[in-house]
Protein backbone atom coordinates (compact mmCIF):
# COMPACT_ATOMS: atom_id res chain seq x y z
CA UNK A 1 131.48 -127.88 193.08
CA UNK A 2 131.57 -124.06 193.26
CA UNK A 3 128.59 -122.68 195.32
CA UNK A 4 129.37 -119.23 196.36
CA UNK A 5 126.55 -118.14 198.61
CA UNK A 6 127.43 -114.40 198.43
CA UNK A 7 128.06 -114.05 194.84
CA UNK A 8 125.89 -113.78 191.67
CA UNK A 9 124.75 -116.83 189.72
CA UNK A 10 127.28 -117.04 186.93
CA UNK A 11 126.36 -120.48 185.32
CA UNK A 12 123.00 -121.84 184.95
CA UNK A 13 122.80 -125.52 184.11
CA UNK A 14 119.81 -125.87 181.76
CA UNK A 15 120.88 -127.54 178.45
CA UNK A 16 121.74 -130.95 177.32
CA UNK A 17 125.27 -129.99 176.47
CA UNK A 18 125.73 -128.53 179.87
CA UNK A 19 124.33 -131.61 181.74
CA UNK A 20 126.47 -133.87 179.61
CA UNK A 21 129.56 -131.79 180.38
CA UNK A 22 129.31 -132.08 184.08
CA UNK A 23 128.13 -135.60 184.17
CA UNK A 24 131.40 -137.16 183.61
CA UNK A 25 133.66 -138.63 186.48
CA UNK A 26 136.84 -137.24 184.72
CA UNK A 27 135.32 -133.75 184.04
CA UNK A 28 134.24 -133.80 187.75
CA UNK A 29 137.82 -134.07 188.54
CA UNK A 30 138.90 -131.30 186.27
CA UNK A 31 135.96 -129.01 187.76
CA UNK A 32 136.78 -129.92 191.40
CA UNK A 33 140.62 -129.25 191.01
CA UNK A 34 140.14 -126.21 189.20
CA UNK A 35 137.70 -124.97 191.98
CA UNK A 36 140.12 -126.24 194.80
CA UNK A 37 143.59 -125.10 193.16
CA UNK A 38 142.50 -122.24 191.11
CA UNK A 39 143.54 -121.46 187.34
CA UNK A 40 145.73 -124.26 185.78
CA UNK A 41 146.87 -125.30 182.33
CA UNK A 42 146.06 -128.81 180.89
CA UNK A 43 149.39 -129.94 181.94
CA UNK A 44 148.87 -128.93 185.46
CA UNK A 45 145.37 -130.36 185.70
CA UNK A 46 146.71 -133.62 184.47
CA UNK A 47 149.40 -133.76 187.11
CA UNK A 48 146.77 -132.84 189.85
CA UNK A 49 144.21 -135.41 188.76
CA UNK A 50 146.57 -138.24 187.91
CA UNK A 51 145.63 -138.25 184.19
CA UNK A 52 147.43 -137.94 181.08
CA UNK A 53 147.59 -134.38 179.34
CA UNK A 54 146.14 -135.99 176.31
CA UNK A 55 142.84 -137.17 178.19
CA UNK A 56 142.66 -133.63 179.80
CA UNK A 57 142.93 -132.04 176.38
CA UNK A 58 140.08 -134.34 175.22
CA UNK A 59 137.77 -133.16 177.88
CA UNK A 60 138.49 -129.51 178.07
CA UNK A 61 136.59 -128.45 174.80
CA UNK A 62 133.48 -129.97 176.21
CA UNK A 63 133.66 -128.03 179.41
CA UNK A 64 134.54 -124.78 177.34
CA UNK A 65 131.73 -125.01 174.90
CA UNK A 66 129.24 -125.73 177.81
CA UNK A 67 130.54 -122.57 179.60
CA UNK A 68 131.52 -124.61 182.62
CA UNK A 69 135.07 -123.43 182.45
CA UNK A 70 136.82 -120.42 180.59
CA UNK A 71 140.14 -119.11 179.47
CA UNK A 72 142.07 -117.36 182.13
CA UNK A 73 145.32 -116.57 180.49
CA UNK A 74 148.04 -117.64 177.89
CA UNK A 75 151.44 -117.90 179.45
CA UNK A 76 154.83 -118.80 178.02
CA UNK A 77 156.58 -122.15 179.02
CA UNK A 78 159.87 -122.12 177.43
CA UNK A 79 159.29 -121.63 173.57
CA UNK A 80 155.66 -122.79 173.76
CA UNK A 81 152.61 -120.98 174.82
CA UNK A 82 149.97 -122.84 177.13
CA UNK A 83 146.41 -121.88 177.73
CA UNK A 84 145.37 -121.47 181.39
CA UNK A 85 141.65 -122.37 182.41
CA UNK A 86 139.55 -121.37 185.28
CA UNK A 87 136.08 -121.62 186.56
CA UNK A 88 133.92 -118.57 186.07
CA UNK A 89 133.38 -116.60 189.23
CA UNK A 90 130.12 -116.98 191.39
CA UNK A 91 128.04 -119.97 191.90
CA UNK A 92 126.06 -122.57 190.02
CA UNK A 93 122.23 -122.73 189.55
CA UNK A 94 120.28 -125.64 188.21
CA UNK A 95 117.26 -124.68 186.08
CA UNK A 96 114.82 -127.41 187.05
CA UNK A 97 111.63 -125.83 185.58
CA UNK A 98 112.24 -125.03 181.85
CA UNK A 99 112.54 -128.71 180.85
CA UNK A 100 111.68 -130.87 183.91
CA UNK A 101 112.15 -134.22 182.21
CA UNK A 102 115.75 -133.05 181.16
CA UNK A 103 116.42 -131.84 184.58
CA UNK A 104 115.28 -135.03 186.15
CA UNK A 105 117.68 -136.93 183.95
CA UNK A 106 120.33 -134.69 184.66
CA UNK A 107 120.09 -134.64 188.31
CA UNK A 108 120.04 -138.45 188.49
CA UNK A 109 123.12 -138.67 186.33
CA UNK A 110 124.90 -135.90 188.29
CA UNK A 111 124.20 -137.86 191.54
CA UNK A 112 125.62 -140.93 190.03
CA UNK A 113 128.56 -139.00 188.63
CA UNK A 114 129.52 -137.47 192.00
CA UNK A 115 129.08 -140.60 193.83
CA UNK A 116 131.64 -142.28 191.39
CA UNK A 117 133.91 -139.23 191.82
CA UNK A 118 133.82 -139.68 195.64
CA UNK A 119 134.47 -143.37 195.40
CA UNK A 120 137.52 -142.76 193.10
CA UNK A 121 138.99 -140.06 195.21
CA UNK A 122 138.54 -142.26 198.31
CA UNK A 123 140.04 -145.32 196.74
CA UNK A 124 143.05 -143.23 195.53
CA UNK A 125 143.50 -141.80 198.93
CA UNK A 126 143.38 -145.15 200.62
CA UNK A 127 145.78 -146.73 198.02
CA UNK A 128 148.48 -143.96 198.48
CA UNK A 129 150.97 -143.44 201.27
CA UNK A 130 150.13 -144.87 204.59
CA UNK A 131 146.33 -145.67 204.09
CA UNK A 132 144.25 -145.06 207.22
CA UNK A 133 146.35 -142.78 209.50
CA UNK A 134 145.24 -141.49 212.88
CA UNK A 135 144.35 -138.13 211.34
CA UNK A 136 142.42 -139.73 208.65
CA UNK A 137 140.30 -141.98 211.07
CA UNK A 138 139.51 -139.06 213.27
CA UNK A 139 137.84 -137.18 210.37
CA UNK A 140 136.50 -139.90 207.93
CA UNK A 141 132.66 -140.37 207.91
CA UNK A 142 130.79 -142.45 205.49
CA UNK A 143 127.23 -142.88 206.05
CA UNK A 144 123.64 -142.19 204.85
CA UNK A 145 120.58 -140.98 206.57
CA UNK A 146 117.01 -141.64 205.48
CA UNK A 147 114.02 -140.61 207.79
CA UNK A 148 110.89 -138.34 208.20
CA UNK A 149 111.64 -134.79 208.47
CA UNK A 150 109.02 -132.07 209.13
CA UNK A 151 109.28 -128.96 206.83
CA UNK A 152 111.10 -126.94 209.54
CA UNK A 153 113.68 -129.75 210.12
CA UNK A 154 114.27 -130.19 206.29
CA UNK A 155 114.96 -126.40 206.17
CA UNK A 156 117.37 -126.73 209.09
CA UNK A 157 119.39 -129.47 207.25
CA UNK A 158 119.33 -127.42 204.12
CA UNK A 159 120.72 -124.46 206.29
CA UNK A 160 123.45 -126.70 207.62
CA UNK A 161 124.51 -127.78 204.17
CA UNK A 162 124.79 -124.15 203.11
CA UNK A 163 127.07 -123.46 206.14
CA UNK A 164 129.23 -126.33 205.11
CA UNK A 165 129.68 -124.62 201.84
CA UNK A 166 130.49 -121.41 203.28
CA UNK A 167 133.22 -122.93 205.33
CA UNK A 168 134.78 -124.42 202.23
CA UNK A 169 134.50 -121.10 200.31
CA UNK A 170 136.11 -119.23 203.31
CA UNK A 171 139.01 -121.80 203.58
CA UNK A 172 139.45 -121.73 199.78
CA UNK A 173 139.90 -118.13 199.95
CA UNK A 174 142.80 -118.63 202.50
CA UNK A 175 144.39 -121.32 200.56
CA UNK A 176 145.93 -123.27 203.31
CA UNK A 177 145.50 -126.87 204.56
CA UNK A 178 145.13 -130.18 202.90
CA UNK A 179 142.06 -130.66 200.51
CA UNK A 180 139.14 -132.46 202.00
CA UNK A 181 136.11 -133.74 200.11
CA UNK A 182 132.38 -134.02 201.14
CA UNK A 183 129.61 -135.19 198.84
CA UNK A 184 125.80 -135.32 199.60
CA UNK A 185 122.45 -135.44 197.94
CA UNK A 186 119.64 -134.09 199.90
CA UNK A 187 116.08 -134.37 198.69
CA UNK A 188 112.57 -135.43 199.74
CA UNK A 189 111.96 -139.11 198.89
CA UNK A 190 108.38 -138.38 198.19
CA UNK A 191 106.54 -135.15 196.90
CA UNK A 192 105.78 -133.26 200.10
CA UNK A 193 102.75 -131.61 198.30
CA UNK A 194 101.24 -135.02 197.62
CA UNK A 195 102.17 -136.29 201.01
CA UNK A 196 99.81 -133.54 202.48
CA UNK A 197 96.87 -134.60 200.22
CA UNK A 198 94.47 -136.80 202.05
CA UNK A 199 94.29 -140.31 200.32
CA UNK A 200 91.49 -140.78 197.86
CA UNK A 201 88.81 -143.09 199.30
CA UNK A 202 88.35 -146.32 197.47
CA UNK A 203 85.01 -146.85 195.81
CA UNK A 204 82.65 -149.27 198.02
CA UNK A 205 83.13 -153.00 197.14
CA UNK A 206 80.30 -154.73 195.42
CA UNK A 207 79.49 -158.46 195.07
CA UNK A 208 80.42 -158.59 191.55
CA UNK A 209 83.96 -157.06 192.12
CA UNK A 210 86.88 -159.59 191.54
CA UNK A 211 89.39 -159.57 194.60
CA UNK A 212 92.70 -158.28 193.61
CA UNK A 213 94.22 -161.66 194.63
CA UNK A 214 91.76 -163.84 192.83
CA UNK A 215 93.13 -166.08 190.22
CA UNK A 216 91.87 -166.01 186.70
């Protein structure tokens, strides 16, 4: 997903319509391929993602209304005119504070969407061509890490993820090499501010208190 670190924020995800627009595996395919390949028509997008033009035409209005994509140009194709679409320049930002409940639901849906997108892309890659080649085996990594991180270590992980984004952006500008995919979700499993608070002491037990495991 477009995350240009040296550009101004062009799209702020904050409304229900915007969350709905990006939380779809098919629309995720459209977004990612527009990001990787640049402006394309619906016909070209359909060819890239392996879907029918009719299905792509069905999803494009949702992305347009939400401001996720925009018109780039209209070009001639024989006697017909076709619209060409693009992602707005710059990077995305998520408004997590205006409506925290909406943002929480949206982030959970987005994580599920990108996980499904990654699964589909991996399955598609393994089902095509020669499957697991030597070059594929040297690069593929599928794993999850969960563990304690001090604040400084968490910031270091975040910095490494930003560096990955910058590598993709630089290579995308050059436009050479086969496409690669990486997907991550990095977050504290517990509220760090709550973790820093000392535990609330339990009230002293009395003889009349019922033990928690007692049967009625």
